[in-house]
């Protein structure tokens, strides 16, 4: 049996700030947006460039702040030019960590945090 990962769902509080993060800082594109005002939530699907995986953003109109569980760590994306993306993220309003490598090795990743506190690991494309 063949299984394929198709989406990851993130619950978000500020949909416009979150869309700005994923579509302007990164190159995600809005695939669809479905609004359910009677049920007080919206679903926005973002395409991840070069893959069939989507991020589903769930915006609940009256939600209290979400707690990101201690079992969740991060999402990961790869980029062609790690140093350039690091500079773009550092120049943004988003919390951006330093370039790192494991055990003091050559840097090949860093983390940036989205408006809802989800950490994104940005790695050099291998």
C-alpha atoms as a PDB file:
ATOM      1  CA  UNK A   1       0.000   0.000   0.000  1.00  0.00           C
ATOM      2  CA  UNK A   2       1.390   3.418  -0.988  1.00  0.00           C
ATOM      3  CA  UNK A   3       0.981   6.355   1.405  1.00  0.00           C
ATOM      4  CA  UNK A   4       1.689   9.958   0.477  1.00  0.00           C
ATOM      5  CA  UNK A   5       1.873  12.883   2.884  1.00  0.00           C
ATOM      6  CA  UNK A   6      -0.493  15.509   1.440  1.00  0.00           C
ATOM      7  CA  UNK A   7      -0.944  18.164   4.118  1.00  0.00           C
ATOM      8  CA  UNK A   8       0.083  19.532   7.460  1.00  0.00           C
ATOM      9  CA  UNK A   9      -2.483  21.534   9.434  1.00  0.00           C
ATOM     10  CA  UNK A  10      -1.536  24.551  11.540  1.00  0.00           C
ATOM     11  CA  UNK A  11      -4.074  26.392  13.669  1.00  0.00           C
ATOM     12  CA  UNK A  12      -3.429  30.119  13.427  1.00  0.00           C
ATOM     13  CA  UNK A  13      -4.636  33.270  15.196  1.00  0.00           C
ATOM     14  CA  UNK A  14      -3.792  36.061  12.756  1.00  0.00           C
ATOM     15  CA  UNK A  15      -4.472  34.770   9.270  1.00  0.00           C
ATOM     16  CA  UNK A  16      -3.168  37.826   7.422  1.00  0.00           C
ATOM     17  CA  UNK A  17       0.147  37.855   9.316  1.00  0.00           C
ATOM     18  CA  UNK A  18       0.481  34.114   8.760  1.00  0.00           C
ATOM     19  CA  UNK A  19      -0.253  34.422   5.034  1.00  0.00           C
ATOM     20  CA  UNK A  20       2.319  37.204   4.796  1.00  0.00           C
ATOM     21  CA  UNK A  21       4.926  34.968   6.444  1.00  0.00           C
ATOM     22  CA  UNK A  22       4.374  31.939   4.204  1.00  0.00           C
ATOM     23  CA  UNK A  23       3.704  33.725   0.904  1.00  0.00           C
ATOM     24  CA  UNK A  24       6.079  36.688   1.124  1.00  0.00           C
ATOM     25  CA  UNK A  25       8.979  35.462   3.242  1.00  0.00           C
ATOM     26  CA  UNK A  26       8.745  32.010   1.654  1.00  0.00           C
ATOM     27  CA  UNK A  27       7.314  31.159  -1.785  1.00  0.00           C
ATOM     28  CA  UNK A  28       4.201  29.273  -0.740  1.00  0.00           C
ATOM     29  CA  UNK A  29       1.148  29.992  -2.891  1.00  0.00           C
ATOM     30  CA  UNK A  30      -2.493  30.045  -1.873  1.00  0.00           C
ATOM     31  CA  UNK A  31      -4.109  27.022  -3.536  1.00  0.00           C
ATOM     32  CA  UNK A  32      -7.583  27.591  -2.132  1.00  0.00           C
ATOM     33  CA  UNK A  33      -9.423  29.478   0.548  1.00  0.00           C
ATOM     34  CA  UNK A  34     -12.707  28.250   1.995  1.00  0.00           C
ATOM     35  CA  UNK A  35     -14.659  30.365   4.447  1.00  0.00           C
ATOM     36  CA  UNK A  36     -17.272  28.929   6.799  1.00  0.00           C
ATOM     37  CA  UNK A  37     -18.676  31.972   8.641  1.00  0.00           C
ATOM     38  CA  UNK A  38     -21.660  30.042   9.996  1.00  0.00           C
ATOM     39  CA  UNK A  39     -19.228  27.647  11.687  1.00  0.00           C
ATOM     40  CA  UNK A  40     -16.756  30.469  12.479  1.00  0.00           C
ATOM     41  CA  UNK A  41     -13.657  29.161  10.739  1.00  0.00           C
ATOM     42  CA  UNK A  42     -11.706  29.455   7.484  1.00  0.00           C
ATOM     43  CA  UNK A  43      -9.403  26.984   5.759  1.00  0.00           C
ATOM     44  CA  UNK A  44      -6.555  28.223   3.587  1.00  0.00           C
ATOM     45  CA  UNK A  45      -4.411  25.726   1.689  1.00  0.00           C
ATOM     46  CA  UNK A  46      -0.875  26.703   0.717  1.00  0.00           C
ATOM     47  CA  UNK A  47       1.109  24.879  -1.948  1.00  0.00           C
ATOM     48  CA  UNK A  48       4.678  24.047  -1.076  1.00  0.00           C
ATOM     49  CA  UNK A  49       6.791  24.785  -4.170  1.00  0.00           C
ATOM     50  CA  UNK A  50       8.230  21.694  -5.814  1.00  0.00           C
ATOM     51  CA  UNK A  51       6.150  19.196  -3.804  1.00  0.00           C
ATOM     52  CA  UNK A  52       2.611  17.946  -3.528  1.00  0.00           C
ATOM     53  CA  UNK A  53       2.509  18.706   0.216  1.00  0.00           C
ATOM     54  CA  UNK A  54       0.227  21.517   1.346  1.00  0.00           C
ATOM     55  CA  UNK A  55       0.008  23.475   4.571  1.00  0.00           C
ATOM     56  CA  UNK A  56      -3.581  23.784   5.729  1.00  0.00           C
ATOM     57  CA  UNK A  57      -4.054  26.920   7.812  1.00  0.00           C
ATOM     58  CA  UNK A  58      -7.094  26.675  10.066  1.00  0.00           C
ATOM     59  CA  UNK A  59      -8.344  30.005  11.336  1.00  0.00           C
ATOM     60  CA  UNK A  60     -10.986  29.727  14.072  1.00  0.00           C
ATOM     61  CA  UNK A  61     -12.619  33.123  14.516  1.00  0.00           C
ATOM     62  CA  UNK A  62     -13.020  33.096  18.302  1.00  0.00           C
ATOM     63  CA  UNK A  63     -10.116  30.907  19.348  1.00  0.00           C
ATOM     64  CA  UNK A  64      -8.066  31.473  22.451  1.00  0.00           C
ATOM     65  CA  UNK A  65      -4.282  31.446  21.963  1.00  0.00           C
ATOM     66  CA  UNK A  66      -3.052  27.992  21.007  1.00  0.00           C
ATOM     67  CA  UNK A  67      -0.405  26.106  22.913  1.00  0.00           C
ATOM     68  CA  UNK A  68       2.143  24.366  20.754  1.00  0.00           C
ATOM     69  CA  UNK A  69       2.672  20.999  22.430  1.00  0.00           C
ATOM     70  CA  UNK A  70       6.057  19.930  23.702  1.00  0.00           C
ATOM     71  CA  UNK A  71       5.990  16.961  21.302  1.00  0.00           C
ATOM     72  CA  UNK A  72       5.881  19.202  18.236  1.00  0.00           C
ATOM     73  CA  UNK A  73       9.218  20.556  17.108  1.00  0.00           C
ATOM     74  CA  UNK A  74       9.138  22.247  13.705  1.00  0.00           C
ATOM     75  CA  UNK A  75       8.395  22.196   9.992  1.00  0.00           C
ATOM     76  CA  UNK A  76      11.300  22.029   7.551  1.00  0.00           C
ATOM     77  CA  UNK A  77      11.922  23.629   4.181  1.00  0.00           C
ATOM     78  CA  UNK A  78      14.964  23.551   1.923  1.00  0.00           C
ATOM     79  CA  UNK A  79      16.351  26.476  -0.050  1.00  0.00           C
ATOM     80  CA  UNK A  80      18.889  26.830  -2.844  1.00  0.00           C
ATOM     81  CA  UNK A  81      20.766  29.694  -1.180  1.00  0.00           C
ATOM     82  CA  UNK A  82      20.810  29.280   2.597  1.00  0.00           C
ATOM     83  CA  UNK A  83      22.896  32.365   3.333  1.00  0.00           C
ATOM     84  CA  UNK A  84      20.654  34.622   1.230  1.00  0.00           C
ATOM     85  CA  UNK A  85      17.490  33.249   2.857  1.00  0.00           C
ATOM     86  CA  UNK A  86      19.076  33.717   6.273  1.00  0.00           C
ATOM     87  CA  UNK A  87      19.752  37.392   5.490  1.00  0.00           C
ATOM     88  CA  UNK A  88      16.167  37.844   4.217  1.00  0.00           C
ATOM     89  CA  UNK A  89      14.763  36.312   7.399  1.00  0.00           C
ATOM     90  CA  UNK A  90      17.079  38.335   9.660  1.00  0.00           C
ATOM     91  CA  UNK A  91      15.950  41.537   7.897  1.00  0.00           C
ATOM     92  CA  UNK A  92      12.288  40.613   8.468  1.00  0.00           C
ATOM     93  CA  UNK A  93      10.270  41.153  11.623  1.00  0.00           C
ATOM     94  CA  UNK A  94      10.379  37.425  12.389  1.00  0.00           C
ATOM     95  CA  UNK A  95      12.527  35.820  15.080  1.00  0.00           C
ATOM     96  CA  UNK A  96      15.477  34.277  13.247  1.00  0.00           C
ATOM     97  CA  UNK A  97      18.207  32.112  14.725  1.00  0.00           C
ATOM     98  CA  UNK A  98      21.824  31.912  13.676  1.00  0.00           C
ATOM     99  CA  UNK A  99      23.199  29.599  11.002  1.00  0.00           C
ATOM    100  CA  UNK A 100      24.177  26.277  12.597  1.00  0.00           C
ATOM    101  CA  UNK A 101      25.804  22.957  11.870  1.00  0.00           C
ATOM    102  CA  UNK A 102      25.683  19.845  14.016  1.00  0.00           C
ATOM    103  CA  UNK A 103      28.585  19.351  16.407  1.00  0.00           C
ATOM    104  CA  UNK A 104      30.142  22.622  15.273  1.00  0.00           C
ATOM    105  CA  UNK A 105      30.289  21.470  11.651  1.00  0.00           C
ATOM    106  CA  UNK A 106      29.605  23.521   8.540  1.00  0.00           C
ATOM    107  CA  UNK A 107      26.399  25.542   8.956  1.00  0.00           C
ATOM    108  CA  UNK A 108      23.529  24.104   6.929  1.00  0.00           C
ATOM    109  CA  UNK A 109      20.371  25.232   8.741  1.00  0.00           C
ATOM    110  CA  UNK A 110      18.678  27.897  10.851  1.00  0.00           C
ATOM    111  CA  UNK A 111      15.270  28.424  12.419  1.00  0.00           C
ATOM    112  CA  UNK A 112      12.733  31.202  11.851  1.00  0.00           C
ATOM    113  CA  UNK A 113       9.495  31.520  13.851  1.00  0.00           C
ATOM    114  CA  UNK A 114       6.143  32.300  12.237  1.00  0.00           C
ATOM    115  CA  UNK A 115       3.545  34.686  13.770  1.00  0.00           C
ATOM    116  CA  UNK A 116       1.909  31.852  15.732  1.00  0.00           C
ATOM    117  CA  UNK A 117       5.133  30.533  17.231  1.00  0.00           C
ATOM    118  CA  UNK A 118       5.670  27.605  14.855  1.00  0.00           C
ATOM    119  CA  UNK A 119       9.363  27.127  14.148  1.00  0.00           C
ATOM    120  CA  UNK A 120      10.493  26.568  10.569  1.00  0.00           C
ATOM    121  CA  UNK A 121      13.848  24.885  10.008  1.00  0.00           C
ATOM    122  CA  UNK A 122      15.400  26.274   6.845  1.00  0.00           C
ATOM    123  CA  UNK A 123      18.037  23.927   5.422  1.00  0.00           C
ATOM    124  CA  UNK A 124      20.451  23.996   2.545  1.00  0.00           C
ATOM    125  CA  UNK A 125      19.095  21.952  -0.335  1.00  0.00           C
ATOM    126  CA  UNK A 126      21.324  18.908  -0.800  1.00  0.00           C
END
